[in-house]
């Protein structure tokens, strides 16, 4: 009989080949690892403060930007970008483990803060943090809603 009969050679294949699935997952993992490295490298590295119960006192170089955009370095007025770089370089020469804190008014333009940050980085300072008030909602600034758990 032609075509309609089943013989012992026509068995049902019930196995699933997972090799292509594993290959696809490995390719996706490599893509995510590469893109994550690119995304992280474009961000500005920040040195967030850490609490310690004891140890050496850390040297801190403070840069303050008031609401008018005037810049103070360790409470001394700064007239130009060169003065800021010189003050930062002098402080860094005194202590190689220098930590810098930028205190900017909430009314200061984002561009000014980034400009000061850039000047500090050009002076060689790598450990930079930003000072904040814990009561940000009291000044009218609304907190950003959390999307994580």
C-alpha atoms as a PDB file:
ATOM      1  CA  UNK A   1       0.000   0.000   0.000  1.00  0.00           C
ATOM      2  CA  UNK A   2       1.352   3.273  -1.009  1.00  0.00           C
ATOM      3  CA  UNK A   3       1.581   6.359   1.213  1.00  0.00           C
ATOM      4  CA  UNK A   4      -0.962   5.563   3.898  1.00  0.00           C
ATOM      5  CA  UNK A   5       0.658   2.891   5.986  1.00  0.00           C
ATOM      6  CA  UNK A   6       2.939   3.466   8.943  1.00  0.00           C
ATOM      7  CA  UNK A   7       6.029   1.437   9.289  1.00  0.00           C
ATOM      8  CA  UNK A   8       8.386   1.116  12.209  1.00  0.00           C
ATOM      9  CA  UNK A   9      10.686   3.720  10.609  1.00  0.00           C
ATOM     10  CA  UNK A  10       8.080   6.521  11.023  1.00  0.00           C
ATOM     11  CA  UNK A  11       8.552   7.298  14.736  1.00  0.00           C
ATOM     12  CA  UNK A  12       7.351  10.478  16.394  1.00  0.00           C
ATOM     13  CA  UNK A  13      10.250  12.787  17.317  1.00  0.00           C
ATOM     14  CA  UNK A  14       9.450  13.987  20.842  1.00  0.00           C
ATOM     15  CA  UNK A  15      12.795  15.540  21.862  1.00  0.00           C
ATOM     16  CA  UNK A  16      13.477  19.299  21.924  1.00  0.00           C
ATOM     17  CA  UNK A  17      16.820  20.544  20.727  1.00  0.00           C
ATOM     18  CA  UNK A  18      17.927  23.264  23.212  1.00  0.00           C
ATOM     19  CA  UNK A  19      21.260  24.029  21.539  1.00  0.00           C
ATOM     20  CA  UNK A  20      19.878  26.942  19.436  1.00  0.00           C
ATOM     21  CA  UNK A  21      18.176  28.378  22.535  1.00  0.00           C
ATOM     22  CA  UNK A  22      21.428  28.289  24.498  1.00  0.00           C
ATOM     23  CA  UNK A  23      23.294  29.898  21.577  1.00  0.00           C
ATOM     24  CA  UNK A  24      20.776  32.736  21.378  1.00  0.00           C
ATOM     25  CA  UNK A  25      20.920  33.319  25.149  1.00  0.00           C
ATOM     26  CA  UNK A  26      24.720  33.498  25.103  1.00  0.00           C
ATOM     27  CA  UNK A  27      24.671  36.013  22.245  1.00  0.00           C
ATOM     28  CA  UNK A  28      22.118  38.140  24.130  1.00  0.00           C
ATOM     29  CA  UNK A  29      24.237  37.958  27.295  1.00  0.00           C
ATOM     30  CA  UNK A  30      27.291  39.204  25.399  1.00  0.00           C
ATOM     31  CA  UNK A  31      25.280  42.032  23.824  1.00  0.00           C
ATOM     32  CA  UNK A  32      23.942  43.123  27.238  1.00  0.00           C
ATOM     33  CA  UNK A  33      27.425  43.018  28.770  1.00  0.00           C
ATOM     34  CA  UNK A  34      28.884  45.188  26.000  1.00  0.00           C
ATOM     35  CA  UNK A  35      26.057  47.734  26.042  1.00  0.00           C
ATOM     36  CA  UNK A  36      26.117  47.937  29.844  1.00  0.00           C
ATOM     37  CA  UNK A  37      29.821  48.811  29.703  1.00  0.00           C
ATOM     38  CA  UNK A  38      29.135  51.538  27.140  1.00  0.00           C
ATOM     39  CA  UNK A  39      26.273  53.014  29.179  1.00  0.00           C
ATOM     40  CA  UNK A  40      28.299  53.052  32.397  1.00  0.00           C
ATOM     41  CA  UNK A  41      31.320  54.668  30.743  1.00  0.00           C
ATOM     42  CA  UNK A  42      29.209  57.630  29.558  1.00  0.00           C
ATOM     43  CA  UNK A  43      28.047  58.499  33.069  1.00  0.00           C
ATOM     44  CA  UNK A  44      29.868  60.927  35.349  1.00  0.00           C
ATOM     45  CA  UNK A  45      31.571  58.981  38.110  1.00  0.00           C
ATOM     46  CA  UNK A  46      30.643  60.257  41.544  1.00  0.00           C
ATOM     47  CA  UNK A  47      32.315  59.559  44.836  1.00  0.00           C
ATOM     48  CA  UNK A  48      29.417  59.058  47.189  1.00  0.00           C
ATOM     49  CA  UNK A  49      30.157  59.629  50.869  1.00  0.00           C
ATOM     50  CA  UNK A  50      30.629  56.605  53.089  1.00  0.00           C
ATOM     51  CA  UNK A  51      30.188  56.500  56.833  1.00  0.00           C
ATOM     52  CA  UNK A  52      32.982  55.139  58.961  1.00  0.00           C
ATOM     53  CA  UNK A  53      33.028  54.675  62.703  1.00  0.00           C
ATOM     54  CA  UNK A  54      36.659  55.667  63.010  1.00  0.00           C
ATOM     55  CA  UNK A  55      39.861  56.308  61.152  1.00  0.00           C
ATOM     56  CA  UNK A  56      41.715  59.215  59.676  1.00  0.00           C
ATOM     57  CA  UNK A  57      40.035  62.532  59.059  1.00  0.00           C
ATOM     58  CA  UNK A  58      39.500  63.085  55.368  1.00  0.00           C
ATOM     59  CA  UNK A  59      40.683  66.276  53.736  1.00  0.00           C
ATOM     60  CA  UNK A  60      37.788  67.945  51.952  1.00  0.00           C
ATOM     61  CA  UNK A  61      38.012  70.716  49.378  1.00  0.00           C
ATOM     62  CA  UNK A  62      34.677  72.537  49.259  1.00  0.00           C
ATOM     63  CA  UNK A  63      33.391  74.381  46.201  1.00  0.00           C
ATOM     64  CA  UNK A  64      30.281  76.477  46.798  1.00  0.00           C
ATOM     65  CA  UNK A  65      28.074  77.975  44.080  1.00  0.00           C
ATOM     66  CA  UNK A  66      25.516  80.498  45.325  1.00  0.00           C
ATOM     67  CA  UNK A  67      22.219  81.379  43.646  1.00  0.00           C
ATOM     68  CA  UNK A  68      23.880  84.209  41.664  1.00  0.00           C
ATOM     69  CA  UNK A  69      26.477  81.815  40.230  1.00  0.00           C
ATOM     70  CA  UNK A  70      29.370  83.115  42.350  1.00  0.00           C
ATOM     71  CA  UNK A  71      31.926  80.422  43.117  1.00  0.00           C
ATOM     72  CA  UNK A  72      33.795  80.015  46.403  1.00  0.00           C
ATOM     73  CA  UNK A  73      36.601  77.496  46.964  1.00  0.00           C
ATOM     74  CA  UNK A  74      37.120  76.766  50.664  1.00  0.00           C
ATOM     75  CA  UNK A  75      35.192  79.996  51.439  1.00  0.00           C
ATOM     76  CA  UNK A  76      37.521  82.109  49.248  1.00  0.00           C
ATOM     77  CA  UNK A  77      36.010  83.911  46.233  1.00  0.00           C
ATOM     78  CA  UNK A  78      37.033  82.605  42.818  1.00  0.00           C
ATOM     79  CA  UNK A  79      37.269  85.101  39.951  1.00  0.00           C
ATOM     80  CA  UNK A  80      37.969  82.885  36.950  1.00  0.00           C
ATOM     81  CA  UNK A  81      38.206  79.291  35.794  1.00  0.00           C
ATOM     82  CA  UNK A  82      41.991  79.459  36.042  1.00  0.00           C
ATOM     83  CA  UNK A  83      41.705  80.519  39.705  1.00  0.00           C
ATOM     84  CA  UNK A  84      39.426  77.536  40.413  1.00  0.00           C
ATOM     85  CA  UNK A  85      41.815  75.112  38.710  1.00  0.00           C
ATOM     86  CA  UNK A  86      44.781  76.612  40.603  1.00  0.00           C
ATOM     87  CA  UNK A  87      43.003  76.386  43.974  1.00  0.00           C
ATOM     88  CA  UNK A  88      42.002  72.775  43.241  1.00  0.00           C
ATOM     89  CA  UNK A  89      45.516  71.843  42.087  1.00  0.00           C
ATOM     90  CA  UNK A  90      47.058  73.443  45.190  1.00  0.00           C
ATOM     91  CA  UNK A  91      44.694  71.543  47.476  1.00  0.00           C
ATOM     92  CA  UNK A  92      45.405  68.315  45.579  1.00  0.00           C
ATOM     93  CA  UNK A  93      49.161  68.899  45.892  1.00  0.00           C
ATOM     94  CA  UNK A  94      48.794  69.045  49.688  1.00  0.00           C
ATOM     95  CA  UNK A  95      46.820  65.791  49.847  1.00  0.00           C
ATOM     96  CA  UNK A  96      46.708  63.155  47.077  1.00  0.00           C
ATOM     97  CA  UNK A  97      43.594  61.563  48.674  1.00  0.00           C
ATOM     98  CA  UNK A  98      41.662  64.835  48.489  1.00  0.00           C
ATOM     99  CA  UNK A  99      37.880  64.626  48.438  1.00  0.00           C
ATOM    100  CA  UNK A 100      35.909  67.473  46.912  1.00  0.00           C
ATOM    101  CA  UNK A 101      32.335  68.447  47.725  1.00  0.00           C
ATOM    102  CA  UNK A 102      30.321  70.712  45.435  1.00  0.00           C
ATOM    103  CA  UNK A 103      27.633  72.700  47.245  1.00  0.00           C
ATOM    104  CA  UNK A 104      25.349  74.333  44.684  1.00  0.00           C
ATOM    105  CA  UNK A 105      22.178  76.312  45.272  1.00  0.00           C
ATOM    106  CA  UNK A 106      19.041  74.791  43.788  1.00  0.00           C
ATOM    107  CA  UNK A 107      18.552  77.970  41.723  1.00  0.00           C
ATOM    108  CA  UNK A 108      21.914  77.568  39.946  1.00  0.00           C
ATOM    109  CA  UNK A 109      21.833  76.421  36.339  1.00  0.00           C
ATOM    110  CA  UNK A 110      22.764  72.804  35.686  1.00  0.00           C
ATOM    111  CA  UNK A 111      25.304  74.018  33.137  1.00  0.00           C
ATOM    112  CA  UNK A 112      27.238  76.005  35.747  1.00  0.00           C
ATOM    113  CA  UNK A 113      27.492  72.991  38.046  1.00  0.00           C
ATOM    114  CA  UNK A 114      28.717  70.765  35.199  1.00  0.00           C
ATOM    115  CA  UNK A 115      31.221  73.470  34.179  1.00  0.00           C
ATOM    116  CA  UNK A 116      32.623  73.590  37.744  1.00  0.00           C
ATOM    117  CA  UNK A 117      32.737  69.785  37.796  1.00  0.00           C
ATOM    118  CA  UNK A 118      34.663  69.811  34.518  1.00  0.00           C
ATOM    119  CA  UNK A 119      37.152  72.397  35.808  1.00  0.00           C
ATOM    120  CA  UNK A 120      37.797  70.287  38.914  1.00  0.00           C
ATOM    121  CA  UNK A 121      38.370  67.188  36.776  1.00  0.00           C
ATOM    122  CA  UNK A 122      40.826  69.156  34.594  1.00  0.00           C
ATOM    123  CA  UNK A 123      42.723  70.102  37.761  1.00  0.00           C
ATOM    124  CA  UNK A 124      43.151  66.380  38.491  1.00  0.00           C
ATOM    125  CA  UNK A 125      40.559  65.878  41.209  1.00  0.00           C
ATOM    126  CA  UNK A 126      38.859  62.499  40.884  1.00  0.00           C
ATOM    127  CA  UNK A 127      36.900  62.111  44.143  1.00  0.00           C
ATOM    128  CA  UNK A 128      33.932  64.456  43.853  1.00  0.00           C
ATOM    129  CA  UNK A 129      30.639  64.456  45.728  1.00  0.00           C
ATOM    130  CA  UNK A 130      27.605  66.718  45.893  1.00  0.00           C
ATOM    131  CA  UNK A 131      26.159  68.191  49.070  1.00  0.00           C
ATOM    132  CA  UNK A 132      22.390  68.153  49.543  1.00  0.00           C
ATOM    133  CA  UNK A 133      19.818  69.182  52.112  1.00  0.00           C
ATOM    134  CA  UNK A 134      17.904  66.264  53.523  1.00  0.00           C
ATOM    135  CA  UNK A 135      14.701  68.337  53.592  1.00  0.00           C
ATOM    136  CA  UNK A 136      14.424  68.921  49.841  1.00  0.00           C
ATOM    137  CA  UNK A 137      10.604  68.855  49.859  1.00  0.00           C
ATOM    138  CA  UNK A 138      10.481  71.786  52.280  1.00  0.00           C
ATOM    139  CA  UNK A 139      12.002  74.110  49.649  1.00  0.00           C
ATOM    140  CA  UNK A 140       9.392  73.248  47.036  1.00  0.00           C
ATOM    141  CA  UNK A 141      11.470  70.715  45.119  1.00  0.00           C
ATOM    142  CA  UNK A 142       9.398  67.645  44.413  1.00  0.00           C
ATOM    143  CA  UNK A 143      11.151  64.274  44.795  1.00  0.00           C
ATOM    144  CA  UNK A 144      11.458  62.038  41.755  1.00  0.00           C
ATOM    145  CA  UNK A 145       9.143  59.034  42.106  1.00  0.00           C
ATOM    146  CA  UNK A 146      10.876  55.729  42.633  1.00  0.00           C
ATOM    147  CA  UNK A 147      10.394  53.048  40.006  1.00  0.00           C
ATOM    148  CA  UNK A 148      12.336  50.280  41.753  1.00  0.00           C
ATOM    149  CA  UNK A 149      11.389  48.006  44.618  1.00  0.00           C
END
